[in-house]
Protein backbone atom coordinates (compact mmCIF):
# COMPACT_ATOMS: atom_id res chain seq x y z
CA UNK A 1 137.06 140.98 78.30
CA UNK A 2 133.49 139.79 77.71
CA UNK A 3 133.39 139.91 73.92
CA UNK A 4 129.79 138.69 73.74
CA UNK A 5 128.72 141.57 75.98
CA UNK A 6 130.73 144.02 73.87
CA UNK A 7 129.06 142.77 70.67
CA UNK A 8 125.64 142.93 72.35
CA UNK A 9 126.21 146.57 73.32
CA UNK A 10 127.29 147.50 69.77
CA UNK A 11 124.27 145.83 68.16
CA UNK A 12 121.23 147.95 68.85
CA UNK A 13 118.26 145.85 67.70
CA UNK A 14 114.87 147.36 68.42
CA UNK A 15 112.45 145.07 70.24
CA UNK A 16 115.13 142.68 71.45
CA UNK A 17 116.26 142.56 75.07
CA UNK A 18 120.05 142.80 75.53
CA UNK A 19 120.14 139.67 77.71
CA UNK A 20 118.24 137.73 75.06
CA UNK A 21 120.61 138.94 72.35
CA UNK A 22 123.59 137.98 74.53
CA UNK A 23 122.17 134.45 74.75
CA UNK A 24 121.80 134.21 70.97
CA UNK A 25 125.51 134.84 70.31
CA UNK A 26 127.42 131.57 69.94
CA UNK A 27 130.88 130.23 69.17
CA UNK A 28 131.32 128.81 65.63
CA UNK A 29 132.69 125.27 65.37
CA UNK A 30 135.57 126.50 63.20
CA UNK A 31 137.61 129.63 64.02
CA UNK A 32 138.04 130.27 60.26
CA UNK A 33 134.38 131.29 60.24
CA UNK A 34 134.90 133.72 63.09
CA UNK A 35 135.28 133.87 66.84
CA UNK A 36 131.63 134.63 67.58
CA UNK A 37 128.46 134.40 65.51
CA UNK A 38 124.88 135.63 65.67
CA UNK A 39 122.42 133.31 63.88
CA UNK A 40 119.93 135.79 62.43
CA UNK A 41 117.29 133.07 61.98
CA UNK A 42 116.43 133.77 65.62
CA UNK A 43 115.73 137.43 64.75
CA UNK A 44 113.50 136.85 61.70
CA UNK A 45 110.23 136.79 63.64
CA UNK A 46 111.11 139.90 65.67
CA UNK A 47 112.48 141.97 62.77
CA UNK A 48 110.02 140.59 60.16
CA UNK A 49 112.72 140.14 57.52
CA UNK A 50 114.62 137.20 56.00
CA UNK A 51 117.68 136.12 58.04
CA UNK A 52 120.07 136.72 55.13
CA UNK A 53 118.83 140.33 54.75
CA UNK A 54 119.04 140.93 58.53
CA UNK A 55 122.64 139.70 58.62
CA UNK A 56 123.64 141.88 55.64
CA UNK A 57 122.04 145.02 57.10
CA UNK A 58 123.61 144.48 60.53
CA UNK A 59 127.05 143.85 58.96
CA UNK A 60 126.80 147.05 56.87
CA UNK A 61 126.00 149.10 59.96
CA UNK A 62 128.65 147.55 62.22
CA UNK A 63 131.78 149.61 62.93
CA UNK A 64 134.95 147.69 63.81
CA UNK A 65 136.97 148.82 66.83
CA UNK A 66 140.01 147.84 68.92
CA UNK A 67 138.23 144.66 70.13
CA UNK A 68 136.24 143.51 67.07
CA UNK A 69 138.33 143.64 63.93
CA UNK A 70 135.82 142.32 61.40
CA UNK A 71 132.08 141.65 60.98
CA UNK A 72 130.70 139.78 57.94
CA UNK A 73 127.37 138.32 56.86
CA UNK A 74 127.42 134.70 55.67
CA UNK A 75 124.24 132.77 54.81
CA UNK A 76 122.12 134.36 57.52
CA UNK A 77 124.89 134.41 60.14
CA UNK A 78 126.65 137.51 61.40
CA UNK A 79 130.26 136.45 62.02
CA UNK A 80 132.66 138.44 64.21
CA UNK A 81 136.44 138.26 64.35
CA UNK A 82 138.11 139.69 67.40
CA UNK A 83 141.46 141.44 67.64
CA UNK A 84 143.26 138.16 68.03
CA UNK A 85 146.66 139.45 69.10
CA UNK A 86 145.21 141.51 71.94
CA UNK A 87 142.93 138.65 72.94
CA UNK A 88 145.74 136.08 72.96
CA UNK A 89 148.10 138.11 75.11
CA UNK A 90 145.42 139.14 77.62
CA UNK A 91 144.07 135.56 77.88
CA UNK A 92 147.50 134.00 78.45
CA UNK A 93 148.22 136.60 81.13
CA UNK A 94 144.89 135.77 82.80
CA UNK A 95 145.42 131.97 82.77
CA UNK A 96 149.00 132.17 84.04
CA UNK A 97 148.13 134.63 86.82
CA UNK A 98 144.99 132.80 88.02
CA UNK A 99 146.49 129.29 87.91
CA UNK A 100 144.19 126.78 89.62
CA UNK A 101 141.50 129.48 89.86
CA UNK A 102 141.32 129.91 86.08
CA UNK A 103 137.79 129.19 84.89
CA UNK A 104 136.30 129.76 88.34
CA UNK A 105 133.70 132.41 89.15
CA UNK A 106 131.79 133.91 92.06
CA UNK A 107 128.41 133.64 90.34
CA UNK A 108 127.27 131.33 93.17
CA UNK A 109 128.40 133.56 96.04
CA UNK A 110 125.85 133.50 98.87
CA UNK A 111 123.94 130.57 97.33
CA UNK A 112 123.69 126.98 98.58
CA UNK A 113 123.27 123.83 96.52
CA UNK A 114 122.46 120.46 98.10
CA UNK A 115 123.48 117.48 95.97
CA UNK A 116 122.11 114.04 96.87
CA UNK A 117 124.24 111.40 95.13
CA UNK A 118 125.78 107.92 95.34
CA UNK A 119 123.35 106.94 98.13
CA UNK A 120 124.65 103.44 98.59
CA UNK A 121 122.72 100.66 100.28
CA UNK A 122 124.04 99.35 103.57
CA UNK A 123 125.27 95.74 103.48
CA UNK A 124 125.19 95.64 99.67
CA UNK A 125 128.24 95.73 97.40
CA UNK A 126 129.36 98.93 95.67
CA UNK A 127 128.94 97.78 92.08
CA UNK A 128 129.38 99.33 88.64
CA UNK A 129 125.73 100.45 88.69
CA UNK A 130 126.66 102.97 91.41
CA UNK A 131 129.42 104.52 89.30
CA UNK A 132 127.34 107.06 87.36
CA UNK A 133 125.53 108.61 90.32
CA UNK A 134 128.80 108.75 92.29
CA UNK A 135 131.02 110.41 89.69
CA UNK A 136 128.30 112.68 88.23
CA UNK A 137 127.35 113.90 91.71
CA UNK A 138 130.96 114.36 92.77
CA UNK A 139 131.80 116.33 89.60
CA UNK A 140 128.75 118.57 90.09
CA UNK A 141 129.85 119.25 93.68
CA UNK A 142 133.28 120.31 92.47
CA UNK A 143 131.88 122.39 89.58
CA UNK A 144 129.42 124.30 91.76
CA UNK A 145 132.13 124.98 94.37
CA UNK A 146 134.38 126.25 91.56
CA UNK A 147 131.63 128.74 90.73
CA UNK A 148 131.44 130.05 94.28
CA UNK A 149 128.44 128.11 95.60
CA UNK A 150 128.29 126.63 99.06
CA UNK A 151 127.80 122.93 98.32
CA UNK A 152 126.37 120.27 100.63
CA UNK A 153 127.15 116.78 99.31
CA UNK A 154 124.70 114.25 100.75
CA UNK A 155 124.99 110.46 100.75
CA UNK A 156 121.37 109.47 101.44
CA UNK A 157 122.19 106.00 102.75
CA UNK A 158 119.82 103.15 102.07
CA UNK A 159 119.75 102.06 105.70
CA UNK A 160 116.07 101.35 106.22
CA UNK A 161 113.73 98.55 105.19
CA UNK A 162 112.89 94.86 105.38
CA UNK A 163 116.20 93.89 103.72
CA UNK A 164 117.88 94.40 107.10
CA UNK A 165 115.50 91.91 108.64
CA UNK A 166 116.43 89.53 105.84
CA UNK A 167 120.11 90.02 106.58
CA UNK A 168 119.62 89.26 110.26
CA UNK A 169 117.74 86.06 109.39
CA UNK A 170 120.54 85.09 106.98
CA UNK A 171 123.22 86.02 109.50
CA UNK A 172 121.66 83.88 112.25
CA UNK A 173 121.24 80.89 109.93
CA UNK A 174 124.43 80.86 107.87
CA UNK A 175 127.05 83.21 109.26
CA UNK A 176 128.76 84.58 112.36
CA UNK A 177 130.33 87.81 113.59
CA UNK A 178 133.77 86.26 113.01
CA UNK A 179 132.93 85.48 109.36
CA UNK A 180 131.48 88.96 108.76
CA UNK A 181 134.51 90.69 110.29
CA UNK A 182 136.84 88.50 108.21
CA UNK A 183 135.20 88.66 104.76
CA UNK A 184 133.16 91.83 105.33
CA UNK A 185 130.92 92.88 102.40
CA UNK A 186 131.65 89.65 100.50
CA UNK A 187 130.17 87.67 103.39
CA UNK A 188 127.14 89.97 103.68
CA UNK A 189 126.53 89.66 99.95
CA UNK A 190 126.92 85.87 100.11
CA UNK A 191 124.28 85.45 102.81
CA UNK A 192 121.95 88.03 101.19
CA UNK A 193 121.99 86.08 97.91
CA UNK A 194 121.54 82.79 99.81
CA UNK A 195 118.55 84.24 101.67
CA UNK A 196 116.69 84.96 98.41
CA UNK A 197 117.50 81.52 97.03
CA UNK A 198 116.19 79.84 100.21
CA UNK A 199 113.14 82.15 100.57
CA UNK A 200 111.84 80.89 97.22
CA UNK A 201 111.55 77.47 98.83
CA UNK A 202 110.43 78.75 102.26
CA UNK A 203 108.28 81.93 101.99
CA UNK A 204 107.81 81.98 105.79
CA UNK A 205 111.33 83.41 105.97
CA UNK A 206 109.90 86.73 104.78
CA UNK A 207 107.62 86.86 107.84
CA UNK A 208 110.66 86.25 110.02
CA UNK A 209 112.53 89.05 108.20
CA UNK A 210 109.66 91.50 108.78
CA UNK A 211 109.71 90.54 112.45
CA UNK A 212 113.42 91.36 112.79
CA UNK A 213 113.05 94.66 110.95
CA UNK A 214 110.24 95.59 113.36
CA UNK A 215 112.65 94.77 116.21
CA UNK A 216 115.18 97.21 114.67
CA UNK A 217 112.49 99.91 114.50
CA UNK A 218 111.45 99.23 118.09
CA UNK A 219 115.02 99.62 119.36
CA UNK A 220 115.77 95.96 120.16
CA UNK A 221 119.35 95.89 121.45
CA UNK A 222 120.58 92.70 119.71
CA UNK A 223 119.00 93.50 116.35
CA UNK A 224 120.34 97.07 116.34
CA UNK A 225 123.80 95.85 117.31
CA UNK A 226 123.85 93.65 114.19
CA UNK A 227 122.43 96.49 112.06
CA UNK A 228 125.17 98.87 113.28
CA UNK A 229 127.81 96.22 112.55
CA UNK A 230 126.54 95.83 108.97
CA UNK A 231 126.49 99.63 108.57
CA UNK A 232 130.00 100.13 109.99
CA UNK A 233 131.52 97.48 107.71
CA UNK A 234 129.74 98.88 104.64
CA UNK A 235 130.91 102.45 105.23
CA UNK A 236 134.49 101.34 105.90
CA UNK A 237 134.58 99.32 102.68
CA UNK A 238 132.97 101.94 100.43
CA UNK A 239 135.19 104.67 101.90
CA UNK A 240 138.15 102.94 100.25
CA UNK A 241 136.43 103.32 96.87
CA UNK A 242 135.39 106.92 97.55
CA UNK A 243 139.03 107.77 98.29
CA UNK A 244 140.14 106.21 95.00
CA UNK A 245 137.52 108.28 93.16
CA UNK A 246 138.30 111.53 95.05
CA UNK A 247 134.73 111.60 96.37
CA UNK A 248 133.73 113.22 99.67
CA UNK A 249 130.44 113.97 101.45
CA UNK A 250 129.25 116.52 103.96
CA UNK A 251 126.38 114.37 105.24
CA UNK A 252 125.67 110.66 105.53
CA UNK A 253 122.11 111.21 106.80
CA UNK A 254 120.27 108.22 105.35
CA UNK A 255 116.69 106.99 105.36
CA UNK A 256 116.73 105.95 109.02
CA UNK A 257 117.74 109.51 110.02
CA UNK A 258 114.25 110.66 109.04
CA UNK A 259 112.33 108.12 111.15
CA UNK A 260 111.26 110.77 113.65
CA UNK A 261 110.75 113.44 111.00
CA UNK A 262 108.01 111.76 108.97
CA UNK A 263 105.10 112.06 111.43
CA UNK A 264 105.03 115.90 111.21
CA UNK A 265 104.99 115.66 107.40
CA UNK A 266 102.09 113.20 107.44
CA UNK A 267 100.24 115.46 109.91
CA UNK A 268 100.77 118.48 107.67
CA UNK A 269 99.46 116.57 104.65
CA UNK A 270 96.35 115.62 106.63
CA UNK A 271 95.85 119.14 108.00
CA UNK A 272 95.98 120.55 104.48
CA UNK A 273 93.41 118.04 103.25
CA UNK A 274 95.79 116.37 100.82
CA UNK A 275 95.51 112.83 102.19
CA UNK A 276 92.93 110.40 100.84
CA UNK A 277 92.35 106.81 101.94
CA UNK A 278 92.47 104.18 99.20
CA UNK A 279 92.15 100.49 100.14
CA UNK A 280 93.35 101.42 103.63
CA UNK A 281 96.45 103.23 102.36
CA UNK A 282 97.04 106.99 102.67
CA UNK A 283 97.67 108.64 99.31
CA UNK A 284 97.90 112.05 97.66
CA UNK A 285 95.73 111.98 94.54
CA UNK A 286 97.68 113.31 91.54
CA UNK A 287 95.28 112.25 88.78
CA UNK A 288 94.58 115.81 87.61
CA UNK A 289 98.34 116.24 87.07
CA UNK A 290 98.54 113.13 84.89
CA UNK A 291 100.25 110.96 87.51
CA UNK A 292 99.31 107.93 89.62
CA UNK A 293 98.66 108.61 93.32
CA UNK A 294 101.65 109.24 95.58
CA UNK A 295 101.58 106.59 98.31
CA UNK A 296 102.38 108.12 101.72
CA UNK A 297 101.45 105.32 104.17
CA UNK A 298 100.72 101.65 103.54
CA UNK A 299 97.52 100.17 104.96
CA UNK A 300 99.51 98.95 107.99
CA UNK A 301 100.73 102.51 108.65
CA UNK A 302 104.32 101.96 107.49
CA UNK A 303 106.08 104.65 105.46
CA UNK A 304 107.52 104.56 101.94
CA UNK A 305 110.28 106.18 99.88
CA UNK A 306 108.09 109.19 99.11
CA UNK A 307 107.35 109.80 102.80
CA UNK A 308 111.03 109.76 103.67
CA UNK A 309 112.01 111.88 100.67
CA UNK A 310 109.43 114.55 101.53
CA UNK A 311 110.66 114.60 105.13
CA UNK A 312 114.28 114.80 103.91
CA UNK A 313 113.48 117.71 101.57
CA UNK A 314 111.80 119.67 104.39
CA UNK A 315 114.75 118.96 106.70
CA UNK A 316 117.29 120.06 104.07
CA UNK A 317 115.43 123.31 103.38
CA UNK A 318 115.17 124.07 107.10
CA UNK A 319 118.80 123.11 107.77
CA UNK A 320 120.66 124.41 104.72
CA UNK A 321 118.17 126.89 103.17
CA UNK A 322 119.24 125.68 99.75
CA UNK A 323 118.78 127.60 96.51
CA UNK A 324 118.82 124.30 94.60
CA UNK A 325 118.49 120.71 95.76
CA UNK A 326 119.73 118.16 93.21
CA UNK A 327 119.02 114.43 93.18
CA UNK A 328 121.47 112.45 91.02
CA UNK A 329 119.35 109.36 90.45
CA UNK A 330 118.73 107.12 87.40
CA UNK A 331 115.90 108.03 85.04
CA UNK A 332 114.00 104.92 86.18
CA UNK A 333 112.89 107.08 89.12
CA UNK A 334 111.50 109.92 86.95
CA UNK A 335 107.92 109.34 88.09
CA UNK A 336 108.87 109.13 91.78
CA UNK A 337 110.54 112.54 91.68
CA UNK A 338 107.73 114.15 89.70
CA UNK A 339 105.28 112.84 92.26
CA UNK A 340 107.03 113.94 95.41
CA UNK A 341 108.03 117.33 93.94
CA UNK A 342 104.35 117.87 93.11
CA UNK A 343 103.30 116.87 96.63
CA UNK A 344 105.70 119.47 98.07
CA UNK A 345 104.20 122.06 95.73
CA UNK A 346 100.65 121.12 96.83
CA UNK A 347 101.79 121.49 100.45
CA UNK A 348 102.53 125.12 99.66
CA UNK A 349 106.32 124.80 99.67
CA UNK A 350 107.23 127.54 97.19
CA UNK A 351 110.79 126.18 97.15
CA UNK A 352 109.53 122.98 95.47
CA UNK A 353 110.50 124.70 92.20
CA UNK A 354 114.14 124.52 93.32
CA UNK A 355 114.14 120.70 93.45
CA UNK A 356 115.86 119.08 90.46
CA UNK A 357 116.07 115.43 89.44
CA UNK A 358 119.40 115.02 87.63
CA UNK A 359 118.55 111.86 85.73
CA UNK A 360 121.15 109.61 84.14
CA UNK A 361 121.09 106.45 82.04
CA UNK A 362 121.18 102.93 83.39
CA UNK A 363 124.20 100.65 83.48
CA UNK A 364 123.78 97.05 82.42
CA UNK A 365 126.13 94.19 81.68
CA UNK A 366 126.66 92.72 78.24
CA UNK A 367 124.99 89.60 79.64
CA UNK A 368 121.96 91.56 80.93
CA UNK A 369 120.82 93.65 83.88
CA UNK A 370 122.45 93.48 87.30
CA UNK A 371 120.89 92.16 90.48
CA UNK A 372 122.36 92.00 93.99
CA UNK A 373 119.79 89.36 94.93
CA UNK A 374 121.09 86.96 92.31
CA UNK A 375 124.72 88.00 92.77
CA UNK A 376 124.93 89.14 89.12
CA UNK A 377 127.02 92.29 89.66
CA UNK A 378 130.41 93.69 88.67
CA UNK A 379 132.04 95.15 91.78
CA UNK A 380 133.38 98.66 91.32
CA UNK A 381 136.39 97.82 93.47
CA UNK A 382 137.29 94.99 91.05
CA UNK A 383 136.95 97.34 88.07
CA UNK A 384 139.20 99.96 89.65
CA UNK A 385 141.80 97.41 90.72
CA UNK A 386 141.82 95.88 87.24
CA UNK A 387 142.30 99.24 85.48
CA UNK A 388 145.09 100.19 87.90
CA UNK A 389 146.84 96.85 87.24
CA UNK A 390 146.49 97.32 83.49
CA UNK A 391 147.92 100.84 83.71
CA UNK A 392 150.86 99.51 85.73
CA UNK A 393 151.59 96.83 83.11
CA UNK A 394 151.57 99.44 80.31
CA UNK A 395 154.00 101.61 82.32
CA UNK A 396 156.28 98.60 82.92
CA UNK A 397 156.34 97.89 79.18
CA UNK A 398 156.79 101.44 77.89
CA UNK A 399 158.53 103.36 80.66
CA UNK A 400 159.95 100.92 83.26
CA UNK A 401 162.23 103.58 84.81
CA UNK A 402 159.32 105.96 85.54
CA UNK A 403 159.33 107.28 89.10
CA UNK A 404 156.26 106.66 91.32
CA UNK A 405 154.89 103.96 89.01
CA UNK A 406 152.24 102.91 91.54
CA UNK A 407 151.01 106.48 91.96
CA UNK A 408 150.87 107.04 88.20
CA UNK A 409 149.07 103.72 87.62
CA UNK A 410 146.49 104.64 90.26
CA UNK A 411 145.84 108.05 88.67
CA UNK A 412 145.61 106.61 85.16
CA UNK A 413 143.52 103.57 86.11
CA UNK A 414 140.95 105.40 88.24
CA UNK A 415 140.92 108.32 85.81
CA UNK A 416 140.03 105.96 82.94
CA UNK A 417 136.97 104.70 84.83
CA UNK A 418 135.75 108.17 85.90
CA UNK A 419 136.38 109.72 82.48
CA UNK A 420 134.64 106.84 80.73
CA UNK A 421 131.53 107.34 82.86
CA UNK A 422 131.50 111.11 82.26
CA UNK A 423 132.51 111.17 78.60
CA UNK A 424 129.01 111.10 77.09
CA UNK A 425 125.74 112.83 77.87
CA UNK A 426 124.60 111.57 81.27
CA UNK A 427 121.16 110.44 80.09
CA UNK A 428 122.60 107.77 77.77
CA UNK A 429 122.35 104.15 78.87
CA UNK A 430 125.67 102.37 79.29
CA UNK A 431 126.37 98.72 78.56
CA UNK A 432 129.39 98.05 80.72
CA UNK A 433 132.28 96.41 78.92
CA UNK A 434 135.68 95.68 80.45
CA UNK A 435 137.29 95.98 77.03
CA UNK A 436 135.89 99.47 76.55
CA UNK A 437 136.65 100.86 79.99
CA UNK A 438 140.13 99.36 79.98
CA UNK A 439 141.02 100.82 76.58
CA UNK A 440 143.78 103.39 76.63
CA UNK A 441 143.41 104.32 72.96
CA UNK A 442 141.49 107.19 71.36
CA UNK A 443 139.39 109.74 73.28
CA UNK A 444 140.29 108.59 76.75
CA UNK A 445 141.53 109.96 80.04
CA UNK A 446 145.09 108.62 79.55
CA UNK A 447 145.25 110.71 76.36
CA UNK A 448 144.44 113.88 78.32
CA UNK A 449 146.74 112.93 81.20
CA UNK A 450 149.54 112.23 78.73
CA UNK A 451 149.01 115.70 77.24
CA UNK A 452 149.54 117.23 80.70
CA UNK A 453 152.72 115.14 81.10
CA UNK A 454 153.85 116.33 77.65
CA UNK A 455 153.32 119.94 78.78
CA UNK A 456 155.46 119.25 81.85
CA UNK A 457 158.25 117.90 79.67
CA UNK A 458 158.20 121.00 77.45
CA UNK A 459 158.18 123.34 80.47
CA UNK A 460 161.14 121.53 82.02
CA UNK A 461 163.07 121.72 78.74
CA UNK A 462 162.38 125.41 78.03
CA UNK A 463 163.16 126.83 81.46
CA UNK A 464 161.95 130.22 82.72
CA UNK A 465 159.24 132.10 80.83
CA UNK A 466 160.33 135.46 79.40
CA UNK A 467 158.74 138.22 77.29
CA UNK A 468 156.97 137.46 74.04
CA UNK A 469 156.06 140.87 72.60
CA UNK A 470 155.41 141.34 68.91
CA UNK A 471 154.84 137.66 68.04
CA UNK A 472 152.66 136.97 65.01
CA UNK A 473 150.41 133.95 65.68
CA UNK A 474 149.84 131.12 63.23
CA UNK A 475 146.61 129.13 62.92
CA UNK A 476 147.65 126.26 65.24
CA UNK A 477 148.68 128.67 67.99
CA UNK A 478 145.45 130.62 67.79
CA UNK A 479 143.36 127.45 67.75
CA UNK A 480 144.79 126.45 71.14
CA UNK A 481 144.22 129.95 72.54
CA UNK A 482 140.66 129.97 71.19
CA UNK A 483 139.88 126.69 73.01
CA UNK A 484 141.57 127.95 76.19
CA UNK A 485 139.25 130.95 76.23
CA UNK A 486 136.12 128.79 76.27
CA UNK A 487 136.82 127.09 79.59
CA UNK A 488 134.89 129.48 81.84
CA UNK A 489 131.78 129.27 79.63
CA UNK A 490 132.03 125.48 79.54
CA UNK A 491 132.16 125.27 83.36
CA UNK A 492 129.12 127.55 83.70
CA UNK A 493 127.18 125.61 81.07
CA UNK A 494 128.06 122.36 82.82
CA UNK A 495 126.52 123.69 86.04
CA UNK A 496 123.46 125.16 84.31
CA UNK A 497 122.71 121.90 82.50
CA UNK A 498 123.96 119.61 85.31
CA UNK A 499 126.16 118.00 82.67
CA UNK A 500 129.79 117.17 83.63
CA UNK A 501 130.37 115.68 80.17
CA UNK A 502 130.77 119.26 78.87
CA UNK A 503 133.99 119.50 80.89
CA UNK A 504 135.10 116.03 79.73
CA UNK A 505 134.60 116.86 76.06
CA UNK A 506 136.31 120.21 76.56
CA UNK A 507 139.39 118.50 78.00
CA UNK A 508 139.56 116.28 74.91
CA UNK A 509 139.17 119.29 72.59
CA UNK A 510 141.95 121.22 74.34
CA UNK A 511 144.26 118.19 74.40
CA UNK A 512 143.65 117.64 70.68
CA UNK A 513 144.30 121.29 69.82
CA UNK A 514 147.51 121.32 71.88
CA UNK A 515 148.88 118.09 70.38
CA UNK A 516 148.26 119.45 66.88
CA UNK A 517 150.13 122.63 67.89
CA UNK A 518 152.92 120.56 69.50
CA UNK A 519 153.48 118.57 66.30
CA UNK A 520 153.22 121.58 63.96
CA UNK A 521 155.16 124.18 65.97
CA UNK A 522 158.64 123.76 67.43
CA UNK A 523 158.35 125.16 70.94
CA UNK A 524 162.01 125.22 72.02
CA UNK A 525 163.00 127.26 68.93
CA UNK A 526 165.89 129.72 68.51
CA UNK A 527 163.67 132.81 68.33
CA UNK A 528 163.47 133.72 72.04
CA UNK A 529 160.23 135.72 71.70
CA UNK A 530 158.52 132.94 69.80
CA UNK A 531 159.80 130.29 72.22
CA UNK A 532 158.40 132.23 75.18
CA UNK A 533 155.04 132.72 73.47
CA UNK A 534 154.73 129.00 72.77
CA UNK A 535 155.93 128.17 76.27
CA UNK A 536 153.21 130.47 77.67
CA UNK A 537 150.64 128.56 75.62
CA UNK A 538 152.00 125.26 76.97
CA UNK A 539 151.83 126.45 80.59
CA UNK A 540 148.28 127.74 80.07
CA UNK A 541 147.22 124.38 78.59
CA UNK A 542 148.72 122.50 81.54
CA UNK A 543 146.87 124.74 84.01
CA UNK A 544 143.55 124.47 82.19
CA UNK A 545 143.66 120.71 81.60
CA UNK A 546 144.61 120.18 85.25
CA UNK A 547 141.68 122.36 86.36
CA UNK A 548 139.28 120.49 84.06
CA UNK A 549 140.38 117.05 85.26
CA UNK A 550 140.28 118.19 88.90
CA UNK A 551 136.63 119.20 88.45
CA UNK A 552 135.96 115.63 87.28
CA UNK A 553 137.76 114.13 90.28
CA UNK A 554 140.75 112.97 88.20
CA UNK A 555 144.41 113.36 89.16
CA UNK A 556 147.09 114.46 86.72
CA UNK A 557 150.65 113.12 86.70
CA UNK A 558 153.98 114.83 86.10
CA UNK A 559 155.28 112.05 83.85
CA UNK A 560 153.85 109.04 82.02
C-alpha cells in the first residue's frame, strides 16, 4: 500500500500537480505526531493563504477511510494517522514473504549505471585514503542492483604515467625481481619512496624516469615486462582487500586501456573547432563558463587526465549505453569533473548531462595529510587486520565458546571499518583515528550485528511462527513496524542522492527501535497470539537489518 499516493489522491488541491504534492508529503520524526505529514508552508504561495489556515481547511474537508484513520491540523502541518493494525499485519506479511528481496524494486529495469570507483594506482599501497571511494562505490553498486538497474562497476586503474618510469629506475638501482616477488607491494613502496628522496639530490633521475616511461609507451619488451610484473603484484595484493570488503568489479580498464582511444577524441575536438593553442599546449577555453581552460595536450603532445577521461566516457557510452555514469572521487577533483563534463557537452554529447561526480570528503591522519612519496600512509590491510584481531580478543573475553570465532571476528572487524566510513554524510572530511574506528561502543556496526544475533537467539527460542490475529499493538511494537516500513524509501533515496549513509543510519534506527522493543516487551510470552506477533516482528527485523548491511557490503553473524 502506497499511503503517500493514497493521501495525494484524496487531497484535491487546485493548481498543484499530484507528483509535486506526493513529493511534499513526509514522515514525521515522531510517530506520536502521525505517520505522514504535509507541511502546508510549501502550499502558501500557491494557495495564497497562511499555512495554518490551509492546514485547518484541508483537515476539515478530509474524510477518513479504511486506510487513513485520522487527519489533524497542527501548527501549519497536516498530520495523518494510518489504520495501524491493517498496516502492521500487511507489512509483516510483505517482509516475511519477500525475505532478502524486501526493500528492492524494479524502478531501474532496463537502465544501466556505470560506477567508476576505488581506481587504485598500480605499484602503490592500498591505504586508508582509498577506503571512502571503495566502500561508497561498492555500496552504490549494490543499492542500484537492488533497485533493478544493470550496474557496471569500473576500477579505472592508475596504470599510466611517469611514475612507472620512476619505479623502473628505482628497481634497477635498488631492487631485484626476487625482492619484489618476496616482499611485493612493500618492496615497491620502499623503492618508490627512496626514489623521491634520492631525486631531490639528483634531479637528472627524473629525465631517466621519463625515458623509461617513453620506452613503456613505445612497447619496449624489458620495460613492459617490469610494468606487467608491478601490475600483476598490485592486483593480487589489493584483491585480498577487496575480498575482505566484499567488493567486486566488472571492469579493470585503466588509463593505459585508452591509449589508442584518445587520438579520435582529439581529432573530434579539433574538427569541431574547440581546440585552441596556448603556449604550445592544446586547450579547450572554458572562460565564459567561469572555469580555467581544460588542458587536452601538453606542448610536447602528451595527453593528460582530462584527455583520458573524455576518451573513457565516450568508450563507456558506446559500450554500455549508460543512463548514468558515476565517478566516486574526492571533492578535490571538483573542478576537473566540471571541466571535462563541460567539454563533452561542447562536443555535442547530449548524454553529458548523465555524468555525475559523486564527491566525498578527504581522509587525513591526526598527524597530517598522507603521502605515498614520503611513506606517510596507514595501510588499509593493517587497519582491517587490526580490527579483526581486536574483535577476536573481545570474543575470547566475552564468549570464548562461540563457534566460528575467526569468521565472526572477520565479519565484525571488517564491518566496523566499512560502517565507520559510511556512517556520516559522504562529503564530510574524515580525520582517521585508530581509537575511533576500533571502538565497538555506541552507534557502530557491532551494535547492529549484535541486534541481528539477538534476533536469531529469539527466533531459536520461540520456534515456529503461528497465527497472530486480533493482537492489539503497543507503542514499542508499532515503533519497530513504523521503522520497518521506511526501508524501501530509504534505499530509493540513497540511490537518488548517491548517499549510502542513509542506509547506515537506517540500520542504526531500526536496531535502536528493536532493542527498545526487546527490553520493554517479553517476546516468548504465554499468550500464543502475542508471542507469534512479536516473533513476526523479530523475524522481519532480522531480514531487514541483514538486507541493509548486505547493501553496505557487511556480513551478519548468527551469534556474537
